[in-house]
Protein backbone atom coordinates (compact mmCIF):
# COMPACT_ATOMS: atom_id res chain seq x y z
CA MET A 1 71.64 -4.92 -35.76
CA ARG A 2 68.64 -2.20 -36.70
CA ASN A 3 67.15 -0.38 -33.72
CA ASN A 4 63.45 0.82 -34.22
CA ASP A 5 61.22 3.16 -32.45
CA LYS A 6 59.15 0.11 -30.50
CA GLY A 7 62.13 -1.51 -29.17
CA GLU A 8 63.96 1.60 -27.81
CA LEU A 9 60.29 2.24 -25.95
CA MET A 10 59.93 -1.75 -24.57
CA HIS A 11 63.00 -2.06 -23.21
CA SER A 12 63.11 1.28 -21.75
CA ARG A 13 59.52 1.50 -19.49
CA ARG A 14 60.73 -2.01 -17.67
CA ASP A 15 56.44 -2.66 -18.10
CA VAL A 16 55.23 -6.00 -19.27
CA PHE A 17 52.92 -4.89 -22.06
CA GLY A 18 53.28 -1.24 -21.37
CA VAL A 19 51.55 -1.91 -17.83
CA ASN A 20 52.31 -0.60 -14.52
CA PHE A 21 52.54 -3.53 -12.30
CA HIS A 22 51.45 -1.51 -9.14
CA ASP A 23 48.80 -0.25 -11.11
CA PHE A 24 47.41 -3.63 -12.44
CA MET A 25 47.46 -4.69 -8.92
CA THR A 26 45.23 -2.29 -7.34
CA LYS A 27 42.67 -2.46 -10.33
CA GLU A 28 43.05 -6.41 -10.82
CA GLN A 29 41.06 -6.66 -6.98
CA LYS A 30 38.09 -4.59 -7.93
CA ASP A 31 37.64 -5.20 -12.08
CA SER A 32 36.91 -8.09 -14.17
CA SER A 33 39.41 -8.84 -17.25
CA PHE A 34 37.64 -7.61 -19.54
CA GLU A 35 37.61 -3.90 -17.48
CA LEU A 36 41.24 -4.01 -16.96
CA ALA A 37 41.57 -5.47 -20.69
CA SER A 38 40.23 -2.45 -21.58
CA GLU A 39 41.13 0.55 -18.86
CA PHE A 40 44.89 -0.85 -19.54
CA GLY A 41 44.61 -0.78 -23.61
CA ILE A 42 45.68 -4.82 -24.31
CA SER A 43 43.82 -8.07 -25.36
CA LEU A 44 41.85 -10.33 -22.89
CA ARG A 45 45.33 -13.39 -23.22
CA GLU A 46 47.47 -10.39 -22.24
CA VAL A 47 45.45 -10.04 -19.01
CA LYS A 48 45.68 -13.51 -18.72
CA ASN A 49 49.15 -13.67 -18.94
CA LEU A 50 49.67 -10.76 -16.43
CA LYS A 51 47.78 -12.40 -13.94
CA LYS A 52 50.25 -15.75 -14.01
CA HIS A 53 52.92 -13.66 -13.52
CA LEU A 54 51.71 -11.50 -10.71
CA ASN A 55 50.84 -15.39 -9.33
CA ARG A 56 54.15 -16.85 -9.99
CA SER A 57 56.56 -13.76 -7.75
C-alpha cells in the first residue's frame, strides 16, 4: 500500500478539512460563511459541511 505525505498529514491532525473545530466554532458565530472560508483556506462547500457536522454532534 502506498503512503504519501498528504495522507500522513491528514491522519495525524485529526481535524476535518484541516480545520480546528474549536477555532471554527468560535468564529462561526460572528463571521459569514465566505469569511470563514477565506480565514481557514477552505471552500464554501467545506464550510457548509463543517456546519452540518457540528449540528449533528
